[in-house]
C-alpha cells in the first residue's frame, strides 16, 4: 500500500554548501496536487529570480531536483517552493 503524503515539505538542499550542484527535495500532498502548479525557483540574495527549476502540475509525492550553479558566483541563494496558497523558502550557499 503506497502512502500518500499529507503534508507539504521543502527539505534543506544537500550538500550545502555546494559546488557546483546540489539536490533539492520536496513533498507535495494529495490535496495540494489537485490541478495546482508546483513552482520551485532559485533567487539571489537581493530577491531576483535566477532560475525556475519546476513549473508544472505534479501528482502527490516526493521529488528530487538537481540545481547546477556552475555559471553563478559564490554566495547565498534562496529557493522557494509554491503550491496553491503555500510557500516555503530555504537558504543555500554556493562556495567555489
PDB file of N, CA and C in Angstrom:
ATOM      1  N   UNK A   1       0.850  -1.189   0.000  1.00  0.00           N
ATOM      2  CA  UNK A   1       0.000   0.000   0.000  1.00  0.00           C
ATOM      3  C   UNK A   1       0.883   1.236   0.000  1.00  0.00           C
ATOM      4  N   UNK A   2       0.707   2.052  -0.994  1.00  0.00           N
ATOM      5  CA  UNK A   2       1.523   3.268  -1.092  1.00  0.00           C
ATOM      6  C   UNK A   2       0.944   4.348  -0.198  1.00  0.00           C
ATOM      7  N   UNK A   3       1.804   4.944   0.600  1.00  0.00           N
ATOM      8  CA  UNK A   3       1.364   6.014   1.493  1.00  0.00           C
ATOM      9  C   UNK A   3       1.334   7.322   0.714  1.00  0.00           C
ATOM     10  N   UNK A   4       0.204   8.003   0.760  1.00  0.00           N
ATOM     11  CA  UNK A   4       0.069   9.291   0.082  1.00  0.00           C
ATOM     12  C   UNK A   4       0.478  10.379   1.070  1.00  0.00           C
ATOM     13  N   UNK A   5       1.402  11.249   0.678  1.00  0.00           N
ATOM     14  CA  UNK A   5       1.827  12.295   1.610  1.00  0.00           C
ATOM     15  C   UNK A   5       0.666  13.215   1.978  1.00  0.00           C
ATOM     16  N   UNK A   6       0.608  13.598   3.238  1.00  0.00           N
ATOM     17  CA  UNK A   6      -0.454  14.506   3.678  1.00  0.00           C
ATOM     18  C   UNK A   6       0.123  15.838   4.132  1.00  0.00           C
ATOM     19  N   UNK A   7       1.363  16.086   3.751  1.00  0.00           N
ATOM     20  CA  UNK A   7       1.987  17.340   4.148  1.00  0.00           C
ATOM     21  C   UNK A   7       2.757  17.947   2.983  1.00  0.00           C
ATOM     22  N   UNK A   8       3.156  19.166   3.194  1.00  0.00           N
ATOM     23  CA  UNK A   8       3.896  19.959   2.212  1.00  0.00           C
ATOM     24  C   UNK A   8       5.249  20.230   2.849  1.00  0.00           C
ATOM     25  N   UNK A   9       6.310  19.755   2.232  1.00  0.00           N
ATOM     26  CA  UNK A   9       7.624  19.892   2.841  1.00  0.00           C
ATOM     27  C   UNK A   9       8.643  20.320   1.797  1.00  0.00           C
ATOM     28  N   UNK A  10       9.435  21.315   2.154  1.00  0.00           N
ATOM     29  CA  UNK A  10      10.598  21.691   1.353  1.00  0.00           C
ATOM     30  C   UNK A  10      11.811  21.374   2.210  1.00  0.00           C
ATOM     31  N   UNK A  11      12.623  20.427   1.768  1.00  0.00           N
ATOM     32  CA  UNK A  11      13.770  19.992   2.560  1.00  0.00           C
ATOM     33  C   UNK A  11      14.995  20.859   2.280  1.00  0.00           C
ATOM     34  N   UNK A  12      15.928  20.841   3.237  1.00  0.00           N
ATOM     35  CA  UNK A  12      17.191  21.555   3.043  1.00  0.00           C
ATOM     36  C   UNK A  12      17.954  20.871   1.911  1.00  0.00           C
ATOM     37  N   UNK A  13      18.541  21.680   1.043  1.00  0.00           N
ATOM     38  CA  UNK A  13      19.325  21.113  -0.061  1.00  0.00           C
ATOM     39  C   UNK A  13      20.543  20.361   0.474  1.00  0.00           C
ATOM     40  N   UNK A  14      21.059  19.433  -0.316  1.00  0.00           N
ATOM     41  CA  UNK A  14      22.283  18.725   0.062  1.00  0.00           C
ATOM     42  C   UNK A  14      23.091  18.458  -1.183  1.00  0.00           C
ATOM     43  N   UNK A  15      24.403  18.562  -1.144  1.00  0.00           N
ATOM     44  CA  UNK A  15      25.123  19.132   0.012  1.00  0.00           C
ATOM     45  C   UNK A  15      24.911  20.639   0.111  1.00  0.00           C
ATOM     46  N   UNK A  16      25.225  21.185   1.248  1.00  0.00           N
ATOM     47  CA  UNK A  16      25.127  22.632   1.481  1.00  0.00           C
ATOM     48  C   UNK A  16      26.161  22.994   2.532  1.00  0.00           C
ATOM     49  N   UNK A  17      27.154  23.799   2.216  1.00  0.00           N
ATOM     50  CA  UNK A  17      27.442  24.490   0.945  1.00  0.00           C
ATOM     51  C   UNK A  17      27.711  23.491  -0.193  1.00  0.00           C
ATOM     52  N   UNK A  18      27.561  23.987  -1.426  1.00  0.00           N
ATOM     53  CA  UNK A  18      27.729  23.126  -2.588  1.00  0.00           C
ATOM     54  C   UNK A  18      28.554  23.798  -3.663  1.00  0.00           C
ATOM     55  N   UNK A  19      29.111  22.974  -4.570  1.00  0.00           N
ATOM     56  CA  UNK A  19      29.841  23.448  -5.744  1.00  0.00           C
ATOM     57  C   UNK A  19      30.028  22.276  -6.692  1.00  0.00           C
ATOM     58  N   UNK A  20      29.548  22.317  -7.917  1.00  0.00           N
ATOM     59  CA  UNK A  20      28.656  23.341  -8.458  1.00  0.00           C
ATOM     60  C   UNK A  20      27.189  22.928  -8.399  1.00  0.00           C
ATOM     61  N   UNK A  21      26.894  21.673  -7.944  1.00  0.00           N
ATOM     62  CA  UNK A  21      25.485  21.302  -7.966  1.00  0.00           C
ATOM     63  C   UNK A  21      25.017  20.744  -6.629  1.00  0.00           C
ATOM     64  N   UNK A  22      23.702  20.848  -6.429  1.00  0.00           N
ATOM     65  CA  UNK A  22      23.069  20.415  -5.193  1.00  0.00           C
ATOM     66  C   UNK A  22      21.722  19.807  -5.533  1.00  0.00           C
ATOM     67  N   UNK A  23      21.171  19.049  -4.605  1.00  0.00           N
ATOM     68  CA  UNK A  23      19.865  18.432  -4.802  1.00  0.00           C
ATOM     69  C   UNK A  23      18.862  19.048  -3.837  1.00  0.00           C
ATOM     70  N   UNK A  24      17.706  19.408  -4.371  1.00  0.00           N
ATOM     71  CA  UNK A  24      16.610  19.957  -3.570  1.00  0.00           C
ATOM     72  C   UNK A  24      15.479  18.939  -3.624  1.00  0.00           C
ATOM     73  N   UNK A  25      14.991  18.529  -2.455  1.00  0.00           N
ATOM     74  CA  UNK A  25      13.870  17.589  -2.437  1.00  0.00           C
ATOM     75  C   UNK A  25      12.675  18.233  -1.751  1.00  0.00           C
ATOM     76  N   UNK A  26      11.500  17.832  -2.198  1.00  0.00           N
ATOM     77  CA  UNK A  26      10.273  18.369  -1.633  1.00  0.00           C
ATOM     78  C   UNK A  26       9.159  17.345  -1.756  1.00  0.00           C
ATOM     79  N   UNK A  27       8.142  17.522  -0.928  1.00  0.00           N
ATOM     80  CA  UNK A  27       6.982  16.637  -0.925  1.00  0.00           C
ATOM     81  C   UNK A  27       5.726  17.481  -1.058  1.00  0.00           C
ATOM     82  N   UNK A  28       4.822  17.039  -1.922  1.00  0.00           N
ATOM     83  CA  UNK A  28       3.525  17.697  -2.020  1.00  0.00           C
ATOM     84  C   UNK A  28       2.437  16.682  -1.699  1.00  0.00           C
ATOM     85  N   UNK A  29       1.386  17.169  -1.060  1.00  0.00           N
ATOM     86  CA  UNK A  29       0.305  16.295  -0.608  1.00  0.00           C
ATOM     87  C   UNK A  29      -0.745  16.124  -1.697  1.00  0.00           C
ATOM     88  N   UNK A  30      -1.604  15.144  -1.493  1.00  0.00           N
ATOM     89  CA  UNK A  30      -2.635  14.843  -2.480  1.00  0.00           C
ATOM     90  C   UNK A  30      -3.594  16.011  -2.673  1.00  0.00           C
ATOM     91  N   UNK A  31      -3.999  16.655  -1.586  1.00  0.00           N
ATOM     92  CA  UNK A  31      -4.967  17.747  -1.730  1.00  0.00           C
ATOM     93  C   UNK A  31      -4.342  18.970  -2.398  1.00  0.00           C
ATOM     94  N   UNK A  32      -3.033  19.159  -2.274  1.00  0.00           N
ATOM     95  CA  UNK A  32      -2.371  20.279  -2.949  1.00  0.00           C
ATOM     96  C   UNK A  32      -2.105  19.956  -4.412  1.00  0.00           C
ATOM     97  N   UNK A  33      -1.906  18.701  -4.711  1.00  0.00           N
ATOM     98  CA  UNK A  33      -1.508  18.314  -6.062  1.00  0.00           C
ATOM     99  C   UNK A  33      -2.641  18.461  -7.070  1.00  0.00           C
ATOM    100  N   UNK A  34      -3.864  18.503  -6.594  1.00  0.00           N
ATOM    101  CA  UNK A  34      -5.022  18.527  -7.492  1.00  0.00           C
ATOM    102  C   UNK A  34      -5.041  19.784  -8.362  1.00  0.00           C
ATOM    103  N   UNK A  35      -4.483  19.670  -9.539  1.00  0.00           N
ATOM    104  CA  UNK A  35      -4.505  20.741 -10.544  1.00  0.00           C
ATOM    105  C   UNK A  35      -3.818  22.035 -10.127  1.00  0.00           C
ATOM    106  N   UNK A  36      -2.994  22.003  -9.086  1.00  0.00           N
ATOM    107  CA  UNK A  36      -2.243  23.195  -8.689  1.00  0.00           C
ATOM    108  C   UNK A  36      -0.824  23.095  -9.233  1.00  0.00           C
ATOM    109  N   UNK A  37      -0.372  24.089  -9.990  1.00  0.00           N
ATOM    110  CA  UNK A  37       1.011  24.035 -10.465  1.00  0.00           C
ATOM    111  C   UNK A  37       1.990  24.129  -9.301  1.00  0.00           C
ATOM    112  N   UNK A  38       3.076  23.396  -9.423  1.00  0.00           N
ATOM    113  CA  UNK A  38       4.173  23.427  -8.461  1.00  0.00           C
ATOM    114  C   UNK A  38       5.254  24.311  -9.067  1.00  0.00           C
ATOM    115  N   UNK A  39       5.720  25.292  -8.299  1.00  0.00           N
ATOM    116  CA  UNK A  39       6.807  26.133  -8.784  1.00  0.00           C
ATOM    117  C   UNK A  39       7.953  26.104  -7.789  1.00  0.00           C
ATOM    118  N   UNK A  40       9.130  25.686  -8.275  1.00  0.00           N
ATOM    119  CA  UNK A  40      10.356  25.690  -7.488  1.00  0.00           C
ATOM    120  C   UNK A  40      11.334  26.621  -8.190  1.00  0.00           C
ATOM    121  N   UNK A  41      11.707  27.708  -7.502  1.00  0.00           N
ATOM    122  CA  UNK A  41      12.568  28.713  -8.118  1.00  0.00           C
ATOM    123  C   UNK A  41      13.723  29.056  -7.211  1.00  0.00           C
ATOM    124  N   UNK A  42      14.809  29.532  -7.835  1.00  0.00           N
ATOM    125  CA  UNK A  42      16.014  29.946  -7.112  1.00  0.00           C
ATOM    126  C   UNK A  42      16.169  31.454  -7.259  1.00  0.00           C
ATOM    127  N   UNK A  43      16.517  32.106  -6.159  1.00  0.00           N
ATOM    128  CA  UNK A  43      16.677  33.565  -6.111  1.00  0.00           C
ATOM    129  C   UNK A  43      18.049  33.919  -5.572  1.00  0.00           C
ATOM    130  N   UNK A  44      18.561  35.091  -5.988  1.00  0.00           N
ATOM    131  CA  UNK A  44      19.821  35.566  -5.416  1.00  0.00           C
ATOM    132  C   UNK A  44      19.544  36.308  -4.112  1.00  0.00           C
ATOM    133  N   UNK A  45      20.597  36.831  -3.496  1.00  0.00           N
ATOM    134  CA  UNK A  45      20.478  37.437  -2.166  1.00  0.00           C
ATOM    135  C   UNK A  45      19.614  38.692  -2.153  1.00  0.00           C
ATOM    136  N   UNK A  46      19.414  39.325  -3.315  1.00  0.00           N
ATOM    137  CA  UNK A  46      18.567  40.524  -3.333  1.00  0.00           C
ATOM    138  C   UNK A  46      17.173  40.234  -3.901  1.00  0.00           C
ATOM    139  N   UNK A  47      16.848  38.943  -4.012  1.00  0.00           N
ATOM    140  CA  UNK A  47      15.487  38.560  -4.356  1.00  0.00           C
ATOM    141  C   UNK A  47      15.171  38.450  -5.832  1.00  0.00           C
ATOM    142  N   UNK A  48      16.178  38.533  -6.691  1.00  0.00           N
ATOM    143  CA  UNK A  48      15.926  38.381  -8.122  1.00  0.00           C
ATOM    144  C   UNK A  48      15.853  36.896  -8.464  1.00  0.00           C
ATOM    145  N   UNK A  49      14.856  36.520  -9.265  1.00  0.00           N
ATOM    146  CA  UNK A  49      14.744  35.118  -9.667  1.00  0.00           C
ATOM    147  C   UNK A  49      15.869  34.784 -10.630  1.00  0.00           C
ATOM    148  N   UNK A  50      16.639  33.763 -10.296  1.00  0.00           N
ATOM    149  CA  UNK A  50      17.767  33.316 -11.110  1.00  0.00           C
ATOM    150  C   UNK A  50      17.325  32.221 -12.078  1.00  0.00           C
ATOM    151  N   UNK A  51      16.498  31.294 -11.568  1.00  0.00           N
ATOM    152  CA  UNK A  51      16.116  30.144 -12.380  1.00  0.00           C
ATOM    153  C   UNK A  51      14.841  29.530 -11.826  1.00  0.00           C
ATOM    154  N   UNK A  52      13.979  29.090 -12.720  1.00  0.00           N
ATOM    155  CA  UNK A  52      12.818  28.295 -12.337  1.00  0.00           C
ATOM    156  C   UNK A  52      13.161  26.841 -12.636  1.00  0.00           C
ATOM    157  N   UNK A  53      13.172  26.019 -11.598  1.00  0.00           N
ATOM    158  CA  UNK A  53      13.549  24.617 -11.750  1.00  0.00           C
ATOM    159  C   UNK A  53      12.348  23.730 -12.072  1.00  0.00           C
ATOM    160  N   UNK A  54      11.181  24.062 -11.510  1.00  0.00           N
ATOM    161  CA  UNK A  54       9.958  23.296 -11.743  1.00  0.00           C
ATOM    162  C   UNK A  54       8.819  24.297 -11.902  1.00  0.00           C
ATOM    163  N   UNK A  55       7.964  24.078 -12.901  1.00  0.00           N
ATOM    164  CA  UNK A  55       6.763  24.887 -13.047  1.00  0.00           C
ATOM    165  C   UNK A  55       5.744  24.052 -13.820  1.00  0.00           C
ATOM    166  N   UNK A  56       5.099  23.129 -13.092  1.00  0.00           N
ATOM    167  CA  UNK A  56       4.172  22.200 -13.722  1.00  0.00           C
ATOM    168  C   UNK A  56       3.264  21.597 -12.663  1.00  0.00           C
ATOM    169  N   UNK A  57       2.164  21.001 -13.096  1.00  0.00           N
ATOM    170  CA  UNK A  57       1.303  20.260 -12.171  1.00  0.00           C
ATOM    171  C   UNK A  57       1.954  18.897 -11.930  1.00  0.00           C
ATOM    172  N   UNK A  58       2.061  18.510 -10.666  1.00  0.00           N
ATOM    173  CA  UNK A  58       2.658  17.221 -10.312  1.00  0.00           C
ATOM    174  C   UNK A  58       1.709  16.463  -9.398  1.00  0.00           C
ATOM    175  N   UNK A  59       1.776  15.151  -9.457  1.00  0.00           N
ATOM    176  CA  UNK A  59       0.963  14.348  -8.548  1.00  0.00           C
ATOM    177  C   UNK A  59       1.622  14.321  -7.171  1.00  0.00           C
ATOM    178  N   UNK A  60       0.851  13.912  -6.173  1.00  0.00           N
ATOM    179  CA  UNK A  60       1.364  13.859  -4.810  1.00  0.00           C
ATOM    180  C   UNK A  60       2.575  12.944  -4.751  1.00  0.00           C
ATOM    181  N   UNK A  61       3.551  13.329  -3.935  1.00  0.00           N
ATOM    182  CA  UNK A  61       4.747  12.507  -3.782  1.00  0.00           C
ATOM    183  C   UNK A  61       5.941  13.336  -3.415  1.00  0.00           C
ATOM    184  N   UNK A  62       7.084  12.676  -3.411  1.00  0.00           N
ATOM    185  CA  UNK A  62       8.348  13.326  -3.092  1.00  0.00           C
ATOM    186  C   UNK A  62       9.183  13.410  -4.364  1.00  0.00           C
ATOM    187  N   UNK A  63       9.790  14.567  -4.576  1.00  0.00           N
ATOM    188  CA  UNK A  63      10.562  14.828  -5.790  1.00  0.00           C
ATOM    189  C   UNK A  63      11.959  15.319  -5.427  1.00  0.00           C
ATOM    190  N   UNK A  64      12.927  14.989  -6.281  1.00  0.00           N
ATOM    191  CA  UNK A  64      14.295  15.476  -6.137  1.00  0.00           C
ATOM    192  C   UNK A  64      14.663  16.222  -7.411  1.00  0.00           C
ATOM    193  N   UNK A  65      15.204  17.423  -7.246  1.00  0.00           N
ATOM    194  CA  UNK A  65      15.593  18.247  -8.385  1.00  0.00           C
ATOM    195  C   UNK A  65      17.059  18.631  -8.202  1.00  0.00           C
ATOM    196  N   UNK A  66      17.855  18.473  -9.251  1.00  0.00           N
ATOM    197  CA  UNK A  66      19.262  18.871  -9.199  1.00  0.00           C
ATOM    198  C   UNK A  66      19.395  20.284  -9.741  1.00  0.00           C
ATOM    199  N   UNK A  67      20.090  21.123  -8.982  1.00  0.00           N
ATOM    200  CA  UNK A  67      20.357  22.502  -9.394  1.00  0.00           C
ATOM    201  C   UNK A  67      21.842  22.646  -9.648  1.00  0.00           C
ATOM    202  N   UNK A  68      22.205  23.033 -10.879  1.00  0.00           N
ATOM    203  CA  UNK A  68      23.601  23.240 -11.232  1.00  0.00           C
ATOM    204  C   UNK A  68      23.862  24.736 -11.293  1.00  0.00           C
ATOM    205  N   UNK A  69      24.733  25.212 -10.396  1.00  0.00           N
ATOM    206  CA  UNK A  69      25.025  26.641 -10.296  1.00  0.00           C
ATOM    207  C   UNK A  69      26.413  26.961 -10.839  1.00  0.00           C
ATOM    208  N   UNK A  70      26.878  26.150 -11.777  1.00  0.00           N
ATOM    209  CA  UNK A  70      28.226  26.320 -12.310  1.00  0.00           C
ATOM    210  C   UNK A  70      28.498  27.691 -12.893  1.00  0.00           C
ATOM    211  N   UNK A  71      27.474  28.365 -13.411  1.00  0.00           N
ATOM    212  CA  UNK A  71      27.676  29.673 -14.046  1.00  0.00           C
ATOM    213  C   UNK A  71      27.464  30.835 -13.073  1.00  0.00           C
ATOM    214  N   UNK A  72      27.116  30.543 -11.825  1.00  0.00           N
ATOM    215  CA  UNK A  72      26.816  31.604 -10.854  1.00  0.00           C
ATOM    216  C   UNK A  72      28.004  31.874  -9.937  1.00  0.00           C
ATOM    217  N   UNK A  73      28.105  33.108  -9.427  1.00  0.00           N
ATOM    218  CA  UNK A  73      29.176  33.404  -8.470  1.00  0.00           C
ATOM    219  C   UNK A  73      28.882  32.804  -7.097  1.00  0.00           C
ATOM    220  N   UNK A  74      29.933  32.622  -6.301  1.00  0.00           N
ATOM    221  CA  UNK A  74      29.763  32.164  -4.925  1.00  0.00           C
ATOM    222  C   UNK A  74      28.842  33.108  -4.173  1.00  0.00           C
ATOM    223  N   UNK A  75      28.120  32.574  -3.215  1.00  0.00           N
ATOM    224  CA  UNK A  75      27.265  33.433  -2.412  1.00  0.00           C
ATOM    225  C   UNK A  75      26.086  32.676  -1.843  1.00  0.00           C
ATOM    226  N   UNK A  76      25.195  33.439  -1.221  1.00  0.00           N
ATOM    227  CA  UNK A  76      23.985  32.888  -0.621  1.00  0.00           C
ATOM    228  C   UNK A  76      22.836  33.007  -1.610  1.00  0.00           C
ATOM    229  N   UNK A  77      22.104  31.930  -1.760  1.00  0.00           N
ATOM    230  CA  UNK A  77      20.942  31.887  -2.633  1.00  0.00           C
ATOM    231  C   UNK A  77      19.765  31.338  -1.845  1.00  0.00           C
ATOM    232  N   UNK A  78      18.577  31.576  -2.358  1.00  0.00           N
ATOM    233  CA  UNK A  78      17.364  31.090  -1.709  1.00  0.00           C
ATOM    234  C   UNK A  78      16.566  30.298  -2.733  1.00  0.00           C
ATOM    235  N   UNK A  79      15.881  29.280  -2.264  1.00  0.00           N
ATOM    236  CA  UNK A  79      14.974  28.539  -3.148  1.00  0.00           C
ATOM    237  C   UNK A  79      13.609  28.466  -2.487  1.00  0.00           C
ATOM    238  N   UNK A  80      12.583  28.649  -3.317  1.00  0.00           N
ATOM    239  CA  UNK A  80      11.206  28.706  -2.824  1.00  0.00           C
ATOM    240  C   UNK A  80      10.347  27.703  -3.565  1.00  0.00           C
ATOM    241  N   UNK A  81       9.471  27.065  -2.799  1.00  0.00           N
ATOM    242  CA  UNK A  81       8.505  26.138  -3.356  1.00  0.00           C
ATOM    243  C   UNK A  81       7.117  26.707  -3.112  1.00  0.00           C
ATOM    244  N   UNK A  82       6.356  26.873  -4.202  1.00  0.00           N
ATOM    245  CA  UNK A  82       4.992  27.387  -4.094  1.00  0.00           C
ATOM    246  C   UNK A  82       4.038  26.357  -4.690  1.00  0.00           C
ATOM    247  N   UNK A  83       3.042  25.978  -3.895  1.00  0.00           N
ATOM    248  CA  UNK A  83       1.973  25.098  -4.348  1.00  0.00           C
ATOM    249  C   UNK A  83       0.680  25.669  -3.791  1.00  0.00           C
ATOM    250  N   UNK A  84      -0.251  26.018  -4.668  1.00  0.00           N
ATOM    251  CA  UNK A  84      -1.526  26.626  -4.255  1.00  0.00           C
ATOM    252  C   UNK A  84      -1.213  27.844  -3.383  1.00  0.00           C
ATOM    253  N   UNK A  85      -1.722  27.862  -2.155  1.00  0.00           N
ATOM    254  CA  UNK A  85      -1.510  29.022  -1.282  1.00  0.00           C
ATOM    255  C   UNK A  85      -0.363  28.808  -0.308  1.00  0.00           C
ATOM    256  N   UNK A  86       0.449  27.790  -0.514  1.00  0.00           N
ATOM    257  CA  UNK A  86       1.571  27.501   0.383  1.00  0.00           C
ATOM    258  C   UNK A  86       2.868  27.953  -0.263  1.00  0.00           C
ATOM    259  N   UNK A  87       3.725  28.536   0.563  1.00  0.00           N
ATOM    260  CA  UNK A  87       5.046  28.974   0.104  1.00  0.00           C
ATOM    261  C   UNK A  87       6.049  28.677   1.193  1.00  0.00           C
ATOM    262  N   UNK A  88       7.159  28.037   0.802  1.00  0.00           N
ATOM    263  CA  UNK A  88       8.212  27.775   1.761  1.00  0.00           C
ATOM    264  C   UNK A  88       9.536  28.124   1.086  1.00  0.00           C
ATOM    265  N   UNK A  89      10.450  28.739   1.858  1.00  0.00           N
ATOM    266  CA  UNK A  89      11.742  29.178   1.320  1.00  0.00           C
ATOM    267  C   UNK A  89      12.856  28.701   2.232  1.00  0.00           C
ATOM    268  N   UNK A  90      13.969  28.320   1.613  1.00  0.00           N
ATOM    269  CA  UNK A  90      15.166  27.928   2.366  1.00  0.00           C
ATOM    270  C   UNK A  90      16.393  28.570   1.730  1.00  0.00           C
ATOM    271  N   UNK A  91      17.468  28.582   2.519  1.00  0.00           N
ATOM    272  CA  UNK A  91      18.719  29.221   2.099  1.00  0.00           C
ATOM    273  C   UNK A  91      19.742  28.157   1.728  1.00  0.00           C
ATOM    274  N   UNK A  92      20.551  28.448   0.711  1.00  0.00           N
ATOM    275  CA  UNK A  92      21.668  27.569   0.345  1.00  0.00           C
ATOM    276  C   UNK A  92      22.880  28.413  -0.001  1.00  0.00           C
ATOM    277  N   UNK A  93      24.043  27.810   0.141  1.00  0.00           N
ATOM    278  CA  UNK A  93      25.298  28.543  -0.050  1.00  0.00           C
ATOM    279  C   UNK A  93      26.134  27.872  -1.141  1.00  0.00           C
ATOM    280  N   UNK A  94      26.461  28.658  -2.158  1.00  0.00           N
ATOM    281  CA  UNK A  94      27.348  28.214  -3.233  1.00  0.00           C
ATOM    282  C   UNK A  94      28.748  28.677  -2.875  1.00  0.00           C
ATOM    283  N   UNK A  95      29.663  27.718  -2.753  1.00  0.00           N
ATOM    284  CA  UNK A  95      31.027  28.033  -2.349  1.00  0.00           C
ATOM    285  C   UNK A  95      31.987  27.474  -3.380  1.00  0.00           C
ATOM    286  N   UNK A  96      32.596  28.380  -4.159  1.00  0.00           N
ATOM    287  CA  UNK A  96      33.513  27.938  -5.232  1.00  0.00           C
ATOM    288  C   UNK A  96      34.947  28.076  -4.801  1.00  0.00           C
TER     289      UNK A  96
END
